[in-house]
Amino acid sequence: MRHLLSIEDLSREEITAILDRAESFAEVAGRPIKKVPTLRGRTVVNLFYEASTRTSSSFELAAKRLSADVVSIRSSGSSVEKGESLKDTVQTLSAYDPAAIVIRSPHVGAAALVARWTAAAVVNAGDGKHEHPTQALLDLFTMRRRLGKLRGARVWIVGDVLHSRVARSNILGLQAVGAQVTVCGPPTLIPRDIEALGCAVEHSLDGLHAADVIYALRLQQERMTGAFIPSLREYAACFQIDGRRLRPGQLLMHPGPVNRGVELSADVIDSPQAAIAQQVEAGVVVRMAVLYELLAAEPPTSSPTRPAADMPASNASQREHAPAASSASAHAEATA
């Protein structure tokens, strides 16, 4: 990988390799000392033009656990408030020779533009209503851990699909690994022609009992410029996931933050079926895996693998500094 701008940049095998790598980093997370020296001496810049708690903190923690130097910049309090353009900000930061730039922006395509302006690897941490690829990867990681496999899983994505970059990335990621996806919500919150992505569309929860995974989405009222729903009360009456609608055995997920009492009732948020806390935990190890694959993984080669003793010193050292990931090809058929 050169950049991670969209989940569509990844093949099924590459997705599986990242999930396997994340599993190996999950073992590191269980150690008393949670750091590995893989990215020692390299710099990761987190550039966030939108408010974020989970994504920004997990990217920062992921880079630090890989021993990278981290520079975190928010638009508030930076030169952006003085009118500096995104391009000028990126060129300024590039003078520090970062290995990677992680960017979140309210504008669609911002990450792709940054990739044109810097030699650093670029990770899209959310661009407008377009995509959020690392959220999709951590969701796939969480589902695979709870379900055992992804191929054939029936996933319902419920709520504000229209304004959700998470929904788009999850639809694409789930399709790539062979899951069946249904999006559900009021017609005003379902994008036109979304079936072209390969998902089914429902406008009621009547068939929800068939789902293995229910993925509830937050109503993004900050992105709504019109009356998309009559009221929060009416939306909750029709589309809230509560104890009456969640059947035993179904996995419940949400990207956060949760509007308690709107898309989810309090009783299901705190139920054993909810994997919301596990999604947050997965964010760190999956983003560690993404940074590793971008900055430290060896490029694929058709030649036989040489033993470590025959490698150049830098490669042998790199192998010592990273936990071994499972073989993607061996694991793909069993778990994806």
Protein backbone atom coordinates (compact mmCIF):
# COMPACT_ATOMS: atom_id res chain seq x y z
CA MET A 1 0.00 0.00 0.00
CA ARG A 2 1.13 3.52 -0.80
CA HIS A 3 -1.84 5.33 0.79
CA LEU A 4 -5.17 4.34 2.36
CA LEU A 5 -7.72 6.72 0.89
CA SER A 6 -10.64 4.36 0.38
CA ILE A 7 -11.57 0.84 1.41
CA GLU A 8 -11.83 0.20 -2.35
CA ASP A 9 -8.04 0.55 -2.48
CA LEU A 10 -7.82 -2.85 -0.76
CA SER A 11 -8.39 -6.32 -2.14
CA ARG A 12 -9.97 -9.03 -0.01
CA GLU A 13 -6.53 -10.49 0.60
CA GLU A 14 -5.15 -7.12 1.69
CA ILE A 15 -8.07 -6.60 4.07
CA THR A 16 -7.45 -10.03 5.57
CA ALA A 17 -3.73 -9.28 5.93
CA ILE A 18 -4.49 -6.07 7.86
CA LEU A 19 -6.94 -7.90 10.13
CA ASP A 20 -4.37 -10.64 10.76
CA ARG A 21 -1.71 -8.05 11.52
CA ALA A 22 -4.11 -6.37 13.94
CA GLU A 23 -4.56 -9.70 15.73
CA SER A 24 -0.81 -9.84 16.31
CA PHE A 25 -0.83 -6.30 17.67
CA ALA A 26 -3.72 -7.24 19.97
CA GLU A 27 -1.26 -9.61 21.65
CA VAL A 28 1.12 -6.68 22.12
CA ALA A 29 -1.72 -4.68 23.69
CA GLY A 30 -1.99 -7.34 26.39
CA ARG A 31 1.62 -6.92 27.51
CA PRO A 32 2.66 -4.77 30.49
CA ILE A 33 4.77 -2.69 28.08
CA LYS A 34 2.67 -2.12 24.99
CA LYS A 35 5.27 -0.60 22.66
CA VAL A 36 7.22 -2.06 19.78
CA PRO A 37 10.09 -0.12 18.15
CA THR A 38 8.89 -0.60 14.56
CA LEU A 39 8.57 3.11 13.66
CA ARG A 40 11.21 4.52 15.98
CA GLY A 41 12.65 7.72 14.54
CA ARG A 42 9.76 8.26 12.12
CA THR A 43 7.08 10.93 12.36
CA VAL A 44 3.31 10.59 12.02
CA VAL A 45 1.23 13.78 11.66
CA ASN A 46 -2.45 13.76 12.66
CA LEU A 47 -4.23 16.62 10.90
CA PHE A 48 -7.85 16.93 12.04
CA TYR A 49 -10.16 19.57 10.60
CA GLU A 50 -13.21 18.05 12.31
CA ALA A 51 -14.00 17.23 15.93
CA SER A 52 -12.98 13.71 16.88
CA THR A 53 -12.40 11.72 20.04
CA ARG A 54 -12.13 8.04 19.09
CA THR A 55 -10.38 8.34 15.73
CA SER A 56 -7.85 11.00 16.72
CA SER A 57 -6.94 9.41 20.06
CA SER A 58 -6.62 5.91 18.60
CA PHE A 59 -4.42 7.06 15.70
CA GLU A 60 -2.21 8.93 18.17
CA LEU A 61 -1.99 5.94 20.51
CA ALA A 62 -1.38 3.56 17.59
CA ALA A 63 1.57 5.62 16.31
CA LYS A 64 3.03 5.96 19.81
CA ARG A 65 2.76 2.21 20.45
CA LEU A 66 4.79 1.74 17.26
CA SER A 67 7.34 4.19 18.78
CA ALA A 68 6.76 6.92 16.18
CA ASP A 69 7.06 10.61 16.98
CA VAL A 70 3.55 12.08 16.78
CA VAL A 71 2.46 15.61 15.87
CA SER A 72 -1.27 16.22 16.37
CA ILE A 73 -2.81 19.34 14.84
CA ARG A 74 -6.37 20.60 15.12
CA SER A 75 -7.74 23.40 12.96
CA SER A 76 -8.73 25.27 16.11
CA GLY A 77 -5.69 27.14 17.39
CA SER A 78 -3.60 26.50 14.27
CA SER A 79 -2.74 28.69 11.29
CA VAL A 80 -5.92 27.44 9.62
CA GLU A 81 -7.76 29.99 11.77
CA LYS A 82 -5.57 32.65 10.16
CA GLY A 83 -6.67 31.59 6.70
CA GLU A 84 -3.92 29.13 5.75
CA SER A 85 -5.04 26.76 2.99
CA LEU A 86 -4.91 22.99 3.26
CA LYS A 87 -2.21 22.85 0.59
CA ASP A 88 0.01 25.35 2.42
CA THR A 89 -0.52 23.51 5.71
CA VAL A 90 0.47 20.20 4.13
CA GLN A 91 3.55 21.71 2.47
CA THR A 92 4.59 23.23 5.79
CA LEU A 93 4.19 19.92 7.59
CA SER A 94 6.00 18.08 4.80
CA ALA A 95 9.10 20.13 5.57
CA TYR A 96 9.35 18.05 8.78
CA ASP A 97 9.68 14.89 6.64
CA PRO A 98 6.73 12.94 8.08
CA ALA A 99 6.42 9.27 7.23
CA ALA A 100 2.63 9.48 7.29
CA ILE A 101 -0.11 12.11 7.43
CA VAL A 102 -3.48 11.12 8.86
CA ILE A 103 -6.17 13.58 7.81
CA ARG A 104 -9.82 14.15 8.71
CA SER A 105 -11.69 16.81 6.78
CA PRO A 106 -15.31 17.87 6.23
CA HIS A 107 -14.59 18.03 2.49
CA VAL A 108 -14.93 15.04 0.16
CA GLY A 109 -11.64 14.22 -1.56
CA ALA A 110 -9.39 16.11 0.87
CA ALA A 111 -7.25 13.04 1.61
CA ALA A 112 -6.72 12.40 -2.12
CA LEU A 113 -5.54 16.00 -2.56
CA VAL A 114 -3.10 15.69 0.34
CA ALA A 115 -1.65 12.55 -1.28
CA ARG A 116 -0.80 14.67 -4.34
CA TRP A 117 0.97 17.33 -2.28
CA THR A 118 3.25 15.23 -0.06
CA ALA A 119 5.71 12.37 -0.29
CA ALA A 120 4.33 10.95 2.97
CA ALA A 121 1.88 8.05 3.12
CA VAL A 122 -1.64 9.44 3.59
CA VAL A 123 -4.44 7.86 5.61
CA ASN A 124 -8.00 9.05 5.18
CA ALA A 125 -9.52 9.40 8.67
CA GLY A 126 -12.81 10.62 7.20
CA ASP A 127 -13.54 13.01 4.33
CA GLY A 128 -16.97 14.57 4.40
CA LYS A 129 -19.73 12.10 3.52
CA HIS A 130 -17.35 10.04 1.38
CA GLU A 131 -15.38 7.40 3.31
CA HIS A 132 -13.80 6.35 6.60
CA PRO A 133 -11.73 3.27 5.66
CA THR A 134 -10.06 2.57 9.01
CA GLN A 135 -13.46 2.58 10.74
CA ALA A 136 -14.61 -0.09 8.30
CA LEU A 137 -11.49 -2.14 8.99
CA LEU A 138 -11.91 -2.00 12.76
CA ASP A 139 -15.58 -2.93 12.33
CA LEU A 140 -14.62 -5.93 10.21
CA PHE A 141 -12.03 -6.88 12.84
CA THR A 142 -14.67 -6.71 15.60
CA MET A 143 -17.21 -8.70 13.59
CA ARG A 144 -14.68 -11.38 12.70
CA ARG A 145 -13.70 -11.79 16.35
CA ARG A 146 -17.31 -12.10 17.51
CA LEU A 147 -18.75 -14.12 14.62
CA GLY A 148 -15.71 -16.21 13.72
CA LYS A 149 -16.01 -15.45 10.00
CA LEU A 150 -17.24 -12.71 7.68
CA ARG A 151 -18.20 -14.57 4.51
CA GLY A 152 -21.96 -15.01 4.43
CA ALA A 153 -22.63 -12.80 7.47
CA ARG A 154 -25.90 -10.86 7.20
CA VAL A 155 -25.34 -7.24 8.24
CA TRP A 156 -28.05 -4.59 8.56
CA ILE A 157 -26.87 -0.97 8.61
CA VAL A 158 -29.68 1.07 10.15
CA GLY A 159 -30.18 4.82 10.32
CA ASP A 160 -28.72 7.92 8.69
CA VAL A 161 -27.02 6.26 5.73
CA LEU A 162 -27.23 9.42 3.60
CA HIS A 163 -24.77 11.43 5.71
CA SER A 164 -22.59 8.52 6.85
CA ARG A 165 -19.09 7.95 5.46
CA VAL A 166 -18.92 4.97 7.83
CA ALA A 167 -21.88 3.35 6.07
CA ARG A 168 -20.28 3.68 2.63
CA SER A 169 -16.93 2.26 3.74
CA ASN A 170 -18.62 -0.59 5.60
CA ILE A 171 -20.79 -1.49 2.63
CA LEU A 172 -17.72 -1.67 0.39
CA GLY A 173 -15.61 -3.53 2.96
CA LEU A 174 -18.31 -6.05 3.80
CA GLN A 175 -18.96 -6.69 0.11
CA ALA A 176 -15.23 -7.32 -0.41
CA VAL A 177 -15.17 -10.08 2.21
CA GLY A 178 -18.36 -11.78 1.08
CA ALA A 179 -20.90 -10.51 3.61
CA GLN A 180 -24.52 -9.67 2.73
CA VAL A 181 -25.45 -6.05 3.43
CA THR A 182 -28.83 -4.42 3.88
CA VAL A 183 -29.23 -0.70 4.57
CA CYS A 184 -32.35 0.45 6.37
CA GLY A 185 -33.81 3.85 7.19
CA PRO A 186 -36.42 6.37 6.19
CA PRO A 187 -36.37 7.12 2.43
CA THR A 188 -35.06 10.64 3.12
CA LEU A 189 -31.93 9.17 4.76
CA ILE A 190 -31.09 6.53 2.13
CA PRO A 191 -28.93 7.73 -0.81
CA ARG A 192 -30.44 7.39 -4.24
CA ASP A 193 -29.13 4.38 -6.20
CA ILE A 194 -27.16 3.01 -3.24
CA GLU A 195 -28.13 -0.45 -4.50
CA ALA A 196 -25.39 0.04 -7.09
CA LEU A 197 -22.89 -0.71 -4.31
CA GLY A 198 -24.34 -4.22 -4.04
CA CYS A 199 -26.54 -3.83 -0.96
CA ALA A 200 -30.26 -4.32 -0.41
CA VAL A 201 -32.50 -1.49 0.82
CA GLU A 202 -35.32 -1.62 3.37
CA HIS A 203 -37.44 1.16 4.82
CA SER A 204 -38.71 -0.70 7.88
CA LEU A 205 -37.27 -3.02 10.52
CA ASP A 206 -39.69 -5.84 9.72
CA GLY A 207 -36.92 -8.14 8.46
CA LEU A 208 -34.35 -7.20 11.12
CA HIS A 209 -34.67 -10.59 12.83
CA ALA A 210 -32.70 -12.18 9.94
CA ALA A 211 -29.58 -10.10 10.62
CA ASP A 212 -26.47 -11.52 12.27
CA VAL A 213 -25.14 -8.00 12.88
CA ILE A 214 -27.13 -4.80 13.46
CA TYR A 215 -24.99 -1.74 12.82
CA ALA A 216 -26.79 1.38 14.03
CA LEU A 217 -25.76 4.80 12.73
CA ARG A 218 -25.89 8.14 14.50
CA LEU A 219 -28.27 10.78 13.22
CA GLN A 220 -25.79 13.38 11.95
CA GLN A 221 -27.87 16.47 12.56
CA GLU A 222 -24.82 18.71 12.11
CA ARG A 223 -24.78 17.70 8.42
CA MET A 224 -28.52 18.11 7.89
CA THR A 225 -29.62 21.33 6.22
CA GLY A 226 -33.28 20.38 5.87
CA ALA A 227 -36.08 18.46 7.57
CA PHE A 228 -35.01 14.86 6.90
CA ILE A 229 -37.18 13.41 9.71
CA PRO A 230 -40.41 14.70 11.28
CA SER A 231 -38.96 14.51 14.81
CA LEU A 232 -36.49 12.56 16.91
CA ARG A 233 -39.40 10.91 18.71
CA GLU A 234 -40.94 9.63 15.48
CA TYR A 235 -37.55 8.46 14.19
CA ALA A 236 -36.93 6.53 17.42
CA ALA A 237 -40.39 4.96 17.27
CA CYS A 238 -39.69 3.57 13.79
CA PHE A 239 -35.95 2.86 13.75
CA GLN A 240 -34.56 2.75 17.29
CA ILE A 241 -32.94 -0.56 18.21
CA ASP A 242 -34.23 -1.57 21.64
CA GLY A 243 -34.74 -4.75 23.65
CA ARG A 244 -37.89 -5.64 21.71
CA ARG A 245 -36.12 -5.50 18.35
CA LEU A 246 -32.77 -7.05 19.27
CA ARG A 247 -33.16 -10.82 19.27
CA PRO A 248 -30.81 -13.18 21.18
CA GLY A 249 -27.61 -13.96 19.29
CA GLN A 250 -27.51 -10.78 17.22
CA LEU A 251 -24.39 -8.60 17.43
CA LEU A 252 -25.02 -4.89 17.97
CA MET A 253 -22.53 -2.27 16.77
CA HIS A 254 -22.33 1.52 16.54
CA PRO A 255 -19.46 3.78 15.39
CA GLY A 256 -20.04 6.30 18.20
CA PRO A 257 -20.78 8.68 19.64
CA VAL A 258 -24.18 7.23 20.53
CA ASN A 259 -27.28 9.36 20.93
CA ARG A 260 -28.82 7.41 23.79
CA GLY A 261 -32.55 7.10 23.41
CA VAL A 262 -32.47 7.92 19.68
CA GLU A 263 -30.81 5.25 17.55
CA LEU A 264 -30.23 2.91 20.50
CA SER A 265 -32.05 2.45 23.80
CA ALA A 266 -30.01 2.42 27.00
CA ASP A 267 -30.75 -1.24 27.73
CA VAL A 268 -29.20 -2.55 24.49
CA ILE A 269 -26.17 -0.25 24.71
CA ASP A 270 -25.21 -1.92 27.97
CA SER A 271 -26.18 -5.46 26.93
CA PRO A 272 -23.64 -8.27 26.33
CA GLN A 273 -24.67 -8.28 22.68
CA ALA A 274 -23.28 -4.77 22.16
CA ALA A 275 -19.71 -4.62 20.82
CA ILE A 276 -19.34 -0.84 21.02
CA ALA A 277 -16.51 -0.94 23.57
CA GLN A 278 -14.77 -3.68 21.58
CA GLN A 279 -14.93 -1.44 18.49
CA VAL A 280 -13.07 1.29 20.38
CA GLU A 281 -10.43 -1.20 21.54
CA ALA A 282 -10.07 -2.52 17.99
CA GLY A 283 -9.40 0.99 16.71
CA VAL A 284 -5.92 1.09 18.21
CA VAL A 285 -4.66 -2.29 16.98
CA VAL A 286 -6.23 -1.93 13.52
CA ARG A 287 -4.69 1.52 13.06
CA MET A 288 -1.37 0.12 14.26
CA ALA A 289 -1.72 -2.51 11.54
CA VAL A 290 -2.54 0.11 8.89
CA LEU A 291 0.50 2.22 9.82
CA TYR A 292 2.65 -0.91 9.83
CA GLU A 293 1.46 -2.01 6.39
CA LEU A 294 2.03 1.48 4.98
CA LEU A 295 5.41 2.18 6.55
CA ALA A 296 7.11 -1.02 7.64
CA ALA A 297 5.81 -4.06 5.80
CA GLU A 298 8.09 -5.54 3.18
CA PRO A 299 6.79 -5.36 -0.39
CA PRO A 300 5.62 -8.70 -1.80
CA THR A 301 8.21 -10.65 -3.75
CA SER A 302 8.04 -13.72 -5.94
CA SER A 303 11.45 -14.95 -4.84
CA PRO A 304 11.74 -17.44 -1.98
CA THR A 305 11.91 -15.87 1.47
CA ARG A 306 15.47 -15.78 2.76
CA PRO A 307 16.20 -16.61 6.38
CA ALA A 308 16.73 -13.61 8.65
CA ALA A 309 20.45 -14.24 8.82
CA ASP A 310 20.72 -13.71 5.05
CA MET A 311 18.70 -10.50 5.02
CA PRO A 312 20.14 -7.01 4.99
CA ALA A 313 20.56 -5.83 8.54
CA SER A 314 17.70 -3.33 8.34
CA ASN A 315 15.19 -5.98 7.23
CA ALA A 316 16.27 -8.48 9.86
CA SER A 317 15.95 -5.79 12.52
CA GLN A 318 12.51 -4.86 11.26
CA ARG A 319 11.34 -8.47 11.58
CA GLU A 320 12.50 -8.52 15.19
CA HIS A 321 10.56 -5.33 15.95
CA ALA A 322 7.15 -6.50 14.75
CA PRO A 323 4.96 -9.39 15.87
CA ALA A 324 4.40 -12.03 13.24
CA ALA A 325 1.07 -11.82 11.42
CA SER A 326 -0.81 -14.90 10.29
CA SER A 327 -0.58 -15.83 6.64
CA ALA A 328 -3.29 -13.89 4.85
CA SER A 329 -3.79 -16.57 2.22
CA ALA A 330 -4.12 -19.36 4.79
CA HIS A 331 -6.47 -17.38 7.02
CA ALA A 332 -8.62 -15.81 4.31
CA GLU A 333 -10.76 -18.82 3.46
CA ALA A 334 -11.25 -19.79 7.09
CA THR A 335 -12.29 -16.43 8.48
CA ALA A 336 -13.34 -13.99 5.78
